[in-house]
Amino acid sequence: LISDGHHLPAGRVAALIDALEQADQALNP
Protein backbone atom coordinates (compact mmCIF):
# COMPACT_ATOMS: atom_id res chain seq x y z
CA LEU A 1 0.00 0.00 0.00
CA ILE A 2 2.85 2.39 0.77
CA SER A 3 4.54 1.49 -2.52
CA ASP A 4 1.28 2.24 -4.34
CA GLY A 5 1.29 5.74 -2.83
CA HIS A 6 -1.44 5.33 -0.22
CA HIS A 7 -1.28 7.70 2.72
CA LEU A 8 -0.66 6.15 6.13
CA PRO A 9 -3.88 5.29 7.93
CA ALA A 10 -5.35 7.74 10.41
CA GLY A 11 -8.41 8.07 12.60
CA ARG A 12 -10.57 5.00 13.12
CA VAL A 13 -8.57 2.93 10.64
CA ALA A 14 -5.38 3.54 12.61
CA ALA A 15 -7.19 2.78 15.88
CA LEU A 16 -8.53 -0.47 14.40
CA ILE A 17 -5.04 -1.48 13.28
CA ASP A 18 -3.71 -0.89 16.80
CA ALA A 19 -6.57 -2.84 18.38
CA LEU A 20 -6.25 -5.76 15.95
CA GLU A 21 -2.48 -5.95 16.40
CA GLN A 22 -2.82 -5.89 20.20
CA ALA A 23 -5.44 -8.63 20.09
CA ASP A 24 -3.22 -10.72 17.82
CA GLN A 25 -0.26 -10.31 20.20
CA ALA A 26 -2.43 -11.25 23.19
CA LEU A 27 -3.72 -14.37 21.44
CA ASN A 28 -0.37 -15.30 19.88
CA PRO A 29 2.46 -14.29 22.22
mmCIF file of all heavy atoms, coordinates in Angstrom:
data_MODEL
# 
_entry.id   MODEL 
# 
loop_
_atom_site.group_PDB 
_atom_site.id 
_atom_site.type_symbol 
_atom_site.label_atom_id 
_atom_site.label_alt_id 
_atom_site.label_comp_id 
_atom_site.label_asym_id 
_atom_site.label_entity_id 
_atom_site.label_seq_id 
_atom_site.pdbx_PDB_ins_code 
_atom_site.Cartn_x 
_atom_site.Cartn_y 
_atom_site.Cartn_z 
_atom_site.occupancy 
_atom_site.B_iso_or_equiv 
_atom_site.pdbx_formal_charge 
_atom_site.auth_seq_id 
_atom_site.auth_comp_id 
_atom_site.auth_asym_id 
_atom_site.auth_atom_id 
_atom_site.pdbx_PDB_model_num 
ATOM 1   N N   . LEU A 1 1  ? 0.824   -1.209  0.000  1.00 0.00 ? 1  LEU A N   1 
ATOM 2   C CA  . LEU A 1 1  ? 0.000   0.000   0.000  1.00 0.00 ? 1  LEU A CA  1 
ATOM 3   C C   . LEU A 1 1  ? 0.856   1.255   0.000  1.00 0.00 ? 1  LEU A C   1 
ATOM 4   O O   . LEU A 1 1  ? 0.554   2.230   -0.694 1.00 0.00 ? 1  LEU A O   1 
ATOM 5   C CB  . LEU A 1 1  ? -0.950  -0.013  1.195  1.00 0.00 ? 1  LEU A CB  1 
ATOM 6   C CG  . LEU A 1 1  ? -2.056  -1.072  1.132  1.00 0.00 ? 1  LEU A CG  1 
ATOM 7   C CD1 . LEU A 1 1  ? -2.790  -1.160  2.463  1.00 0.00 ? 1  LEU A CD1 1 
ATOM 8   C CD2 . LEU A 1 1  ? -3.015  -0.786  0.004  1.00 0.00 ? 1  LEU A CD2 1 
ATOM 9   N N   . ILE A 1 2  ? 1.938   1.239   0.753  1.00 0.00 ? 2  ILE A N   1 
ATOM 10  C CA  . ILE A 1 2  ? 2.847   2.386   0.773  1.00 0.00 ? 2  ILE A CA  1 
ATOM 11  C C   . ILE A 1 2  ? 3.502   2.546   -0.595 1.00 0.00 ? 2  ILE A C   1 
ATOM 12  O O   . ILE A 1 2  ? 3.592   3.654   -1.128 1.00 0.00 ? 2  ILE A O   1 
ATOM 13  C CB  . ILE A 1 2  ? 3.905   2.240   1.890  1.00 0.00 ? 2  ILE A CB  1 
ATOM 14  C CG1 . ILE A 1 2  ? 3.227   2.366   3.257  1.00 0.00 ? 2  ILE A CG1 1 
ATOM 15  C CG2 . ILE A 1 2  ? 5.013   3.284   1.741  1.00 0.00 ? 2  ILE A CG2 1 
ATOM 16  C CD1 . ILE A 1 2  ? 4.106   2.000   4.433  1.00 0.00 ? 2  ILE A CD1 1 
ATOM 17  N N   . SER A 1 3  ? 3.925   1.445   -1.192 1.00 0.00 ? 3  SER A N   1 
ATOM 18  C CA  . SER A 1 3  ? 4.543   1.494   -2.519 1.00 0.00 ? 3  SER A CA  1 
ATOM 19  C C   . SER A 1 3  ? 3.582   2.024   -3.573 1.00 0.00 ? 3  SER A C   1 
ATOM 20  O O   . SER A 1 3  ? 3.998   2.668   -4.532 1.00 0.00 ? 3  SER A O   1 
ATOM 21  C CB  . SER A 1 3  ? 5.035   0.106   -2.934 1.00 0.00 ? 3  SER A CB  1 
ATOM 22  O OG  . SER A 1 3  ? 6.068   -0.320  -2.091 1.00 0.00 ? 3  SER A OG  1 
ATOM 23  N N   . ASP A 1 4  ? 2.293   1.753   -3.393 1.00 0.00 ? 4  ASP A N   1 
ATOM 24  C CA  . ASP A 1 4  ? 1.282   2.236   -4.336 1.00 0.00 ? 4  ASP A CA  1 
ATOM 25  C C   . ASP A 1 4  ? 0.912   3.696   -4.088 1.00 0.00 ? 4  ASP A C   1 
ATOM 26  O O   . ASP A 1 4  ? 0.069   4.241   -4.788 1.00 0.00 ? 4  ASP A O   1 
ATOM 27  C CB  . ASP A 1 4  ? 0.011   1.381   -4.252 1.00 0.00 ? 4  ASP A CB  1 
ATOM 28  C CG  . ASP A 1 4  ? 0.176   0.028   -4.913 1.00 0.00 ? 4  ASP A CG  1 
ATOM 29  O OD1 . ASP A 1 4  ? 1.141   -0.152  -5.681 1.00 0.00 ? 4  ASP A OD1 1 
ATOM 30  O OD2 . ASP A 1 4  ? -0.675  -0.853  -4.670 1.00 0.00 ? 4  ASP A OD2 1 
ATOM 31  N N   . GLY A 1 5  ? 1.510   4.323   -3.079 1.00 0.00 ? 5  GLY A N   1 
ATOM 32  C CA  . GLY A 1 5  ? 1.289   5.742   -2.827 1.00 0.00 ? 5  GLY A CA  1 
ATOM 33  C C   . GLY A 1 5  ? 0.144   6.069   -1.889 1.00 0.00 ? 5  GLY A C   1 
ATOM 34  O O   . GLY A 1 5  ? -0.265  7.219   -1.793 1.00 0.00 ? 5  GLY A O   1 
ATOM 35  N N   . HIS A 1 6  ? -0.372  5.065   -1.183 1.00 0.00 ? 6  HIS A N   1 
ATOM 36  C CA  . HIS A 1 6  ? -1.443  5.332   -0.224 1.00 0.00 ? 6  HIS A CA  1 
ATOM 37  C C   . HIS A 1 6  ? -0.880  6.076   0.985  1.00 0.00 ? 6  HIS A C   1 
ATOM 38  O O   . HIS A 1 6  ? 0.239   5.820   1.424  1.00 0.00 ? 6  HIS A O   1 
ATOM 39  C CB  . HIS A 1 6  ? -2.079  4.015   0.253  1.00 0.00 ? 6  HIS A CB  1 
ATOM 40  C CG  . HIS A 1 6  ? -2.856  3.318   -0.807 1.00 0.00 ? 6  HIS A CG  1 
ATOM 41  N ND1 . HIS A 1 6  ? -4.201  3.481   -0.967 1.00 0.00 ? 6  HIS A ND1 1 
ATOM 42  C CD2 . HIS A 1 6  ? -2.462  2.451   -1.777 1.00 0.00 ? 6  HIS A CD2 1 
ATOM 43  C CE1 . HIS A 1 6  ? -4.614  2.749   -1.981 1.00 0.00 ? 6  HIS A CE1 1 
ATOM 44  N NE2 . HIS A 1 6  ? -3.565  2.111   -2.494 1.00 0.00 ? 6  HIS A NE2 1 
ATOM 45  N N   . HIS A 1 7  ? -1.676  7.001   1.502  1.00 0.00 ? 7  HIS A N   1 
ATOM 46  C CA  . HIS A 1 7  ? -1.280  7.704   2.724  1.00 0.00 ? 7  HIS A CA  1 
ATOM 47  C C   . HIS A 1 7  ? -1.410  6.755   3.904  1.00 0.00 ? 7  HIS A C   1 
ATOM 48  O O   . HIS A 1 7  ? -2.253  5.855   3.906  1.00 0.00 ? 7  HIS A O   1 
ATOM 49  C CB  . HIS A 1 7  ? -2.178  8.923   2.945  1.00 0.00 ? 7  HIS A CB  1 
ATOM 50  C CG  . HIS A 1 7  ? -1.996  9.965   1.895  1.00 0.00 ? 7  HIS A CG  1 
ATOM 51  N ND1 . HIS A 1 7  ? -0.898  10.781  1.833  1.00 0.00 ? 7  HIS A ND1 1 
ATOM 52  C CD2 . HIS A 1 7  ? -2.779  10.319  0.849  1.00 0.00 ? 7  HIS A CD2 1 
ATOM 53  C CE1 . HIS A 1 7  ? -1.001  11.592  0.801  1.00 0.00 ? 7  HIS A CE1 1 
ATOM 54  N NE2 . HIS A 1 7  ? -2.142  11.333  0.178  1.00 0.00 ? 7  HIS A NE2 1 
ATOM 55  N N   . LEU A 1 8  ? -0.583  6.970   4.922  1.00 0.00 ? 8  LEU A N   1 
ATOM 56  C CA  . LEU A 1 8  ? -0.665  6.146   6.125  1.00 0.00 ? 8  LEU A CA  1 
ATOM 57  C C   . LEU A 1 8  ? -2.045  6.300   6.759  1.00 0.00 ? 8  LEU A C   1 
ATOM 58  O O   . LEU A 1 8  ? -2.637  7.379   6.709  1.00 0.00 ? 8  LEU A O   1 
ATOM 59  C CB  . LEU A 1 8  ? 0.429   6.541   7.111  1.00 0.00 ? 8  LEU A CB  1 
ATOM 60  C CG  . LEU A 1 8  ? 1.857   6.235   6.662  1.00 0.00 ? 8  LEU A CG  1 
ATOM 61  C CD1 . LEU A 1 8  ? 2.856   6.777   7.680  1.00 0.00 ? 8  LEU A CD1 1 
ATOM 62  C CD2 . LEU A 1 8  ? 2.064   4.748   6.460  1.00 0.00 ? 8  LEU A CD2 1 
ATOM 63  N N   . PRO A 1 9  ? -2.537  5.231   7.348  1.00 0.00 ? 9  PRO A N   1 
ATOM 64  C CA  . PRO A 1 9  ? -3.876  5.293   7.934  1.00 0.00 ? 9  PRO A CA  1 
ATOM 65  C C   . PRO A 1 9  ? -3.934  6.258   9.117  1.00 0.00 ? 9  PRO A C   1 
ATOM 66  O O   . PRO A 1 9  ? -2.952  6.455   9.825  1.00 0.00 ? 9  PRO A O   1 
ATOM 67  C CB  . PRO A 1 9  ? -4.136  3.858   8.385  1.00 0.00 ? 9  PRO A CB  1 
ATOM 68  C CG  . PRO A 1 9  ? -2.807  3.220   8.481  1.00 0.00 ? 9  PRO A CG  1 
ATOM 69  C CD  . PRO A 1 9  ? -1.923  3.924   7.517  1.00 0.00 ? 9  PRO A CD  1 
ATOM 70  N N   . ALA A 1 10 ? -5.126  6.818   9.300  1.00 0.00 ? 10 ALA A N   1 
ATOM 71  C CA  . ALA A 1 10 ? -5.353  7.741   10.413 1.00 0.00 ? 10 ALA A CA  1 
ATOM 72  C C   . ALA A 1 10 ? -6.756  7.499   10.946 1.00 0.00 ? 10 ALA A C   1 
ATOM 73  O O   . ALA A 1 10 ? -7.529  6.720   10.386 1.00 0.00 ? 10 ALA A O   1 
ATOM 74  C CB  . ALA A 1 10 ? -5.207  9.178   9.932  1.00 0.00 ? 10 ALA A CB  1 
ATOM 75  N N   . GLY A 1 11 ? -7.066  8.142   12.050 1.00 0.00 ? 11 GLY A N   1 
ATOM 76  C CA  . GLY A 1 11 ? -8.412  8.073   12.605 1.00 0.00 ? 11 GLY A CA  1 
ATOM 77  C C   . GLY A 1 11 ? -8.816  6.668   13.030 1.00 0.00 ? 11 GLY A C   1 
ATOM 78  O O   . GLY A 1 11 ? -8.026  5.941   13.634 1.00 0.00 ? 11 GLY A O   1 
ATOM 79  N N   . ARG A 1 12 ? -10.046 6.298   12.694 1.00 0.00 ? 12 ARG A N   1 
ATOM 80  C CA  . ARG A 1 12 ? -10.571 4.996   13.123 1.00 0.00 ? 12 ARG A CA  1 
ATOM 81  C C   . ARG A 1 12 ? -9.811  3.842   12.510 1.00 0.00 ? 12 ARG A C   1 
ATOM 82  O O   . ARG A 1 12 ? -9.629  2.805   13.152 1.00 0.00 ? 12 ARG A O   1 
ATOM 83  C CB  . ARG A 1 12 ? -12.060 4.879   12.794 1.00 0.00 ? 12 ARG A CB  1 
ATOM 84  C CG  . ARG A 1 12 ? -12.932 5.639   13.760 1.00 0.00 ? 12 ARG A CG  1 
ATOM 85  C CD  . ARG A 1 12 ? -14.375 5.281   13.608 1.00 0.00 ? 12 ARG A CD  1 
ATOM 86  N NE  . ARG A 1 12 ? -14.902 5.723   12.335 1.00 0.00 ? 12 ARG A NE  1 
ATOM 87  C CZ  . ARG A 1 12 ? -16.013 6.413   12.186 1.00 0.00 ? 12 ARG A CZ  1 
ATOM 88  N NH1 . ARG A 1 12 ? -16.744 6.720   13.222 1.00 0.00 ? 12 ARG A NH1 1 
ATOM 89  N NH2 . ARG A 1 12 ? -16.417 6.793   10.991 1.00 0.00 ? 12 ARG A NH2 1 
ATOM 90  N N   . VAL A 1 13 ? -9.328  4.010   11.274 1.00 0.00 ? 13 VAL A N   1 
ATOM 91  C CA  . VAL A 1 13 ? -8.574  2.926   10.642 1.00 0.00 ? 13 VAL A CA  1 
ATOM 92  C C   . VAL A 1 13 ? -7.295  2.660   11.435 1.00 0.00 ? 13 VAL A C   1 
ATOM 93  O O   . VAL A 1 13 ? -6.960  1.503   11.725 1.00 0.00 ? 13 VAL A O   1 
ATOM 94  C CB  . VAL A 1 13 ? -8.268  3.240   9.165  1.00 0.00 ? 13 VAL A CB  1 
ATOM 95  C CG1 . VAL A 1 13 ? -7.353  2.192   8.558  1.00 0.00 ? 13 VAL A CG1 1 
ATOM 96  C CG2 . VAL A 1 13 ? -9.571  3.348   8.363  1.00 0.00 ? 13 VAL A CG2 1 
ATOM 97  N N   . ALA A 1 14 ? -6.598  3.708   11.818 1.00 0.00 ? 14 ALA A N   1 
ATOM 98  C CA  . ALA A 1 14 ? -5.378  3.544   12.614 1.00 0.00 ? 14 ALA A CA  1 
ATOM 99  C C   . ALA A 1 14 ? -5.699  2.926   13.973 1.00 0.00 ? 14 ALA A C   1 
ATOM 100 O O   . ALA A 1 14 ? -4.958  2.052   14.452 1.00 0.00 ? 14 ALA A O   1 
ATOM 101 C CB  . ALA A 1 14 ? -4.681  4.883   12.791 1.00 0.00 ? 14 ALA A CB  1 
ATOM 102 N N   . ALA A 1 15 ? -6.790  3.342   14.584 1.00 0.00 ? 15 ALA A N   1 
ATOM 103 C CA  . ALA A 1 15 ? -7.195  2.776   15.878 1.00 0.00 ? 15 ALA A CA  1 
ATOM 104 C C   . ALA A 1 15 ? -7.545  1.297   15.734 1.00 0.00 ? 15 ALA A C   1 
ATOM 105 O O   . ALA A 1 15 ? -7.200  0.483   16.599 1.00 0.00 ? 15 ALA A O   1 
ATOM 106 C CB  . ALA A 1 15 ? -8.375  3.550   16.448 1.00 0.00 ? 15 ALA A CB  1 
ATOM 107 N N   . LEU A 1 16 ? -8.203  0.941   14.653 1.00 0.00 ? 16 LEU A N   1 
ATOM 108 C CA  . LEU A 1 16 ? -8.529  -0.466  14.404 1.00 0.00 ? 16 LEU A CA  1 
ATOM 109 C C   . LEU A 1 16 ? -7.260  -1.295  14.221 1.00 0.00 ? 16 LEU A C   1 
ATOM 110 O O   . LEU A 1 16 ? -7.154  -2.405  14.738 1.00 0.00 ? 16 LEU A O   1 
ATOM 111 C CB  . LEU A 1 16 ? -9.408  -0.605  13.158 1.00 0.00 ? 16 LEU A CB  1 
ATOM 112 C CG  . LEU A 1 16 ? -10.873 -0.287  13.331 1.00 0.00 ? 16 LEU A CG  1 
ATOM 113 C CD1 . LEU A 1 16 ? -11.548 -0.150  11.974 1.00 0.00 ? 16 LEU A CD1 1 
ATOM 114 C CD2 . LEU A 1 16 ? -11.553 -1.376  14.149 1.00 0.00 ? 16 LEU A CD2 1 
ATOM 115 N N   . ILE A 1 17 ? -6.303  -0.764  13.482 1.00 0.00 ? 17 ILE A N   1 
ATOM 116 C CA  . ILE A 1 17 ? -5.036  -1.477  13.279 1.00 0.00 ? 17 ILE A CA  1 
ATOM 117 C C   . ILE A 1 17 ? -4.380  -1.745  14.622 1.00 0.00 ? 17 ILE A C   1 
ATOM 118 O O   . ILE A 1 17 ? -3.941  -2.865  14.905 1.00 0.00 ? 17 ILE A O   1 
ATOM 119 C CB  . ILE A 1 17 ? -4.106  -0.677  12.344 1.00 0.00 ? 17 ILE A CB  1 
ATOM 120 C CG1 . ILE A 1 17 ? -4.680  -0.677  10.926 1.00 0.00 ? 17 ILE A CG1 1 
ATOM 121 C CG2 . ILE A 1 17 ? -2.691  -1.254  12.360 1.00 0.00 ? 17 ILE A CG2 1 
ATOM 122 C CD1 . ILE A 1 17 ? -3.990  0.292   9.980  1.00 0.00 ? 17 ILE A CD1 1 
ATOM 123 N N   . ASP A 1 18 ? -4.308  -0.720  15.467 1.00 0.00 ? 18 ASP A N   1 
ATOM 124 C CA  . ASP A 1 18 ? -3.708  -0.892  16.796 1.00 0.00 ? 18 ASP A CA  1 
ATOM 125 C C   . ASP A 1 18 ? -4.449  -1.958  17.603 1.00 0.00 ? 18 ASP A C   1 
ATOM 126 O O   . ASP A 1 18 ? -3.824  -2.826  18.219 1.00 0.00 ? 18 ASP A O   1 
ATOM 127 C CB  . ASP A 1 18 ? -3.708  0.426   17.570 1.00 0.00 ? 18 ASP A CB  1 
ATOM 128 C CG  . ASP A 1 18 ? -2.720  1.442   17.021 1.00 0.00 ? 18 ASP A CG  1 
ATOM 129 O OD1 . ASP A 1 18 ? -1.768  1.041   16.310 1.00 0.00 ? 18 ASP A OD1 1 
ATOM 130 O OD2 . ASP A 1 18 ? -2.897  2.642   17.304 1.00 0.00 ? 18 ASP A OD2 1 
ATOM 131 N N   . ALA A 1 19 ? -5.768  -1.894  17.605 1.00 0.00 ? 19 ALA A N   1 
ATOM 132 C CA  . ALA A 1 19 ? -6.566  -2.840  18.382 1.00 0.00 ? 19 ALA A CA  1 
ATOM 133 C C   . ALA A 1 19 ? -6.402  -4.265  17.849 1.00 0.00 ? 19 ALA A C   1 
ATOM 134 O O   . ALA A 1 19 ? -6.250  -5.210  18.628 1.00 0.00 ? 19 ALA A O   1 
ATOM 135 C CB  . ALA A 1 19 ? -8.038  -2.443  18.359 1.00 0.00 ? 19 ALA A CB  1 
ATOM 136 N N   . LEU A 1 20 ? -6.408  -4.422  16.531 1.00 0.00 ? 20 LEU A N   1 
ATOM 137 C CA  . LEU A 1 20 ? -6.250  -5.756  15.946 1.00 0.00 ? 20 LEU A CA  1 
ATOM 138 C C   . LEU A 1 20 ? -4.865  -6.328  16.214 1.00 0.00 ? 20 LEU A C   1 
ATOM 139 O O   . LEU A 1 20 ? -4.717  -7.519  16.506 1.00 0.00 ? 20 LEU A O   1 
ATOM 140 C CB  . LEU A 1 20 ? -6.528  -5.708  14.439 1.00 0.00 ? 20 LEU A CB  1 
ATOM 141 C CG  . LEU A 1 20 ? -7.981  -5.454  14.045 1.00 0.00 ? 20 LEU A CG  1 
ATOM 142 C CD1 . LEU A 1 20 ? -8.080  -5.146  12.558 1.00 0.00 ? 20 LEU A CD1 1 
ATOM 143 C CD2 . LEU A 1 20 ? -8.852  -6.644  14.419 1.00 0.00 ? 20 LEU A CD2 1 
ATOM 144 N N   . GLU A 1 21 ? -3.840  -5.483  16.122 1.00 0.00 ? 21 GLU A N   1 
ATOM 145 C CA  . GLU A 1 21 ? -2.482  -5.954  16.396 1.00 0.00 ? 21 GLU A CA  1 
ATOM 146 C C   . GLU A 1 21 ? -2.303  -6.322  17.869 1.00 0.00 ? 21 GLU A C   1 
ATOM 147 O O   . GLU A 1 21 ? -1.649  -7.307  18.189 1.00 0.00 ? 21 GLU A O   1 
ATOM 148 C CB  . GLU A 1 21 ? -1.461  -4.907  15.951 1.00 0.00 ? 21 GLU A CB  1 
ATOM 149 C CG  . GLU A 1 21 ? -1.352  -4.831  14.439 1.00 0.00 ? 21 GLU A CG  1 
ATOM 150 C CD  . GLU A 1 21 ? -0.399  -3.763  13.948 1.00 0.00 ? 21 GLU A CD  1 
ATOM 151 O OE1 . GLU A 1 21 ? -0.100  -2.800  14.706 1.00 0.00 ? 21 GLU A OE1 1 
ATOM 152 O OE2 . GLU A 1 21 ? 0.036   -3.875  12.793 1.00 0.00 ? 21 GLU A OE2 1 
ATOM 153 N N   . GLN A 1 22 ? -2.900  -5.554  18.776 1.00 0.00 ? 22 GLN A N   1 
ATOM 154 C CA  . GLN A 1 22 ? -2.820  -5.886  20.205 1.00 0.00 ? 22 GLN A CA  1 
ATOM 155 C C   . GLN A 1 22 ? -3.536  -7.195  20.502 1.00 0.00 ? 22 GLN A C   1 
ATOM 156 O O   . GLN A 1 22 ? -3.043  -8.016  21.268 1.00 0.00 ? 22 GLN A O   1 
ATOM 157 C CB  . GLN A 1 22 ? -3.407  -4.752  21.046 1.00 0.00 ? 22 GLN A CB  1 
ATOM 158 C CG  . GLN A 1 22 ? -2.537  -3.527  21.101 1.00 0.00 ? 22 GLN A CG  1 
ATOM 159 C CD  . GLN A 1 22 ? -3.181  -2.399  21.885 1.00 0.00 ? 22 GLN A CD  1 
ATOM 160 O OE1 . GLN A 1 22 ? -4.176  -2.581  22.576 1.00 0.00 ? 22 GLN A OE1 1 
ATOM 161 N NE2 . GLN A 1 22 ? -2.616  -1.208  21.767 1.00 0.00 ? 22 GLN A NE2 1 
ATOM 162 N N   . ALA A 1 23 ? -4.689  -7.383  19.886 1.00 0.00 ? 23 ALA A N   1 
ATOM 163 C CA  . ALA A 1 23 ? -5.439  -8.630  20.085 1.00 0.00 ? 23 ALA A CA  1 
ATOM 164 C C   . ALA A 1 23 ? -4.650  -9.815  19.553 1.00 0.00 ? 23 ALA A C   1 
ATOM 165 O O   . ALA A 1 23 ? -4.595  -10.872 20.191 1.00 0.00 ? 23 ALA A O   1 
ATOM 166 C CB  . ALA A 1 23 ? -6.799  -8.542  19.395 1.00 0.00 ? 23 ALA A CB  1 
ATOM 167 N N   . ASP A 1 24 ? -4.014  -9.640  18.398 1.00 0.00 ? 24 ASP A N   1 
ATOM 168 C CA  . ASP A 1 24 ? -3.217  -10.724 17.824 1.00 0.00 ? 24 ASP A CA  1 
ATOM 169 C C   . ASP A 1 24 ? -2.046  -11.076 18.739 1.00 0.00 ? 24 ASP A C   1 
ATOM 170 O O   . ASP A 1 24 ? -1.756  -12.251 18.964 1.00 0.00 ? 24 ASP A O   1 
ATOM 171 C CB  . ASP A 1 24 ? -2.704  -10.327 16.444 1.00 0.00 ? 24 ASP A CB  1 
ATOM 172 C CG  . ASP A 1 24 ? -1.922  -11.448 15.786 1.00 0.00 ? 24 ASP A CG  1 
ATOM 173 O OD1 . ASP A 1 24 ? -2.469  -12.563 15.646 1.00 0.00 ? 24 ASP A OD1 1 
ATOM 174 O OD2 . ASP A 1 24 ? -0.747  -11.216 15.416 1.00 0.00 ? 24 ASP A OD2 1 
ATOM 175 N N   . GLN A 1 25 ? -1.381  -10.064 19.297 1.00 0.00 ? 25 GLN A N   1 
ATOM 176 C CA  . GLN A 1 25 ? -0.256  -10.314 20.204 1.00 0.00 ? 25 GLN A CA  1 
ATOM 177 C C   . GLN A 1 25 ? -0.721  -10.999 21.480 1.00 0.00 ? 25 GLN A C   1 
ATOM 178 O O   . GLN A 1 25 ? -0.027  -11.857 22.017 1.00 0.00 ? 25 GLN A O   1 
ATOM 179 C CB  . GLN A 1 25 ? 0.464   -9.013  20.532 1.00 0.00 ? 25 GLN A CB  1 
ATOM 180 C CG  . GLN A 1 25 ? 1.242   -8.471  19.367 1.00 0.00 ? 25 GLN A CG  1 
ATOM 181 C CD  . GLN A 1 25 ? 1.867   -7.121  19.667 1.00 0.00 ? 25 GLN A CD  1 
ATOM 182 O OE1 . GLN A 1 25 ? 1.713   -6.565  20.749 1.00 0.00 ? 25 GLN A OE1 1 
ATOM 183 N NE2 . GLN A 1 25 ? 2.577   -6.574  18.696 1.00 0.00 ? 25 GLN A NE2 1 
ATOM 184 N N   . ALA A 1 26 ? -1.904  -10.638 21.964 1.00 0.00 ? 26 ALA A N   1 
ATOM 185 C CA  . ALA A 1 26 ? -2.427  -11.248 23.190 1.00 0.00 ? 26 ALA A CA  1 
ATOM 186 C C   . ALA A 1 26 ? -2.799  -12.712 22.949 1.00 0.00 ? 26 ALA A C   1 
ATOM 187 O O   . ALA A 1 26 ? -2.585  -13.567 23.814 1.00 0.00 ? 26 ALA A O   1 
ATOM 188 C CB  . ALA A 1 26 ? -3.647  -10.485 23.688 1.00 0.00 ? 26 ALA A CB  1 
ATOM 189 N N   . LEU A 1 27 ? -3.315  -12.998 21.767 1.00 0.00 ? 27 LEU A N   1 
ATOM 190 C CA  . LEU A 1 27 ? -3.718  -14.371 21.443 1.00 0.00 ? 27 LEU A CA  1 
ATOM 191 C C   . LEU A 1 27 ? -2.567  -15.227 20.963 1.00 0.00 ? 27 LEU A C   1 
ATOM 192 O O   . LEU A 1 27 ? -2.613  -16.446 21.068 1.00 0.00 ? 27 LEU A O   1 
ATOM 193 C CB  . LEU A 1 27 ? -4.826  -14.359 20.379 1.00 0.00 ? 27 LEU A CB  1 
ATOM 194 C CG  . LEU A 1 27 ? -6.140  -13.735 20.811 1.00 0.00 ? 27 LEU A CG  1 
ATOM 195 C CD1 . LEU A 1 27 ? -7.080  -13.601 19.616 1.00 0.00 ? 27 LEU A CD1 1 
ATOM 196 C CD2 . LEU A 1 27 ? -6.799  -14.577 21.909 1.00 0.00 ? 27 LEU A CD2 1 
ATOM 197 N N   . ASN A 1 28 ? -1.528  -14.582 20.431 1.00 0.00 ? 28 ASN A N   1 
ATOM 198 C CA  . ASN A 1 28 ? -0.375  -15.296 19.883 1.00 0.00 ? 28 ASN A CA  1 
ATOM 199 C C   . ASN A 1 28 ? 0.913   -14.683 20.394 1.00 0.00 ? 28 ASN A C   1 
ATOM 200 O O   . ASN A 1 28 ? 1.634   -14.015 19.648 1.00 0.00 ? 28 ASN A O   1 
ATOM 201 C CB  . ASN A 1 28 ? -0.403  -15.238 18.349 1.00 0.00 ? 28 ASN A CB  1 
ATOM 202 C CG  . ASN A 1 28 ? -1.665  -15.797 17.774 1.00 0.00 ? 28 ASN A CG  1 
ATOM 203 O OD1 . ASN A 1 28 ? -1.949  -16.964 17.948 1.00 0.00 ? 28 ASN A OD1 1 
ATOM 204 N ND2 . ASN A 1 28 ? -2.428  -14.969 17.080 1.00 0.00 ? 28 ASN A ND2 1 
ATOM 205 N N   . PRO A 1 29 ? 1.230   -14.904 21.670 1.00 0.00 ? 29 PRO A N   1 
ATOM 206 C CA  . PRO A 1 29 ? 2.458   -14.286 22.220 1.00 0.00 ? 29 PRO A CA  1 
ATOM 207 C C   . PRO A 1 29 ? 3.696   -14.826 21.495 1.00 0.00 ? 29 PRO A C   1 
ATOM 208 O O   . PRO A 1 29 ? 3.691   -15.949 20.980 1.00 0.00 ? 29 PRO A O   1 
ATOM 209 C CB  . PRO A 1 29 ? 2.450   -14.714 23.681 1.00 0.00 ? 29 PRO A CB  1 
ATOM 210 C CG  . PRO A 1 29 ? 1.506   -15.840 23.779 1.00 0.00 ? 29 PRO A CG  1 
ATOM 211 C CD  . PRO A 1 29 ? 0.554   -15.740 22.621 1.00 0.00 ? 29 PRO A CD  1 
# 
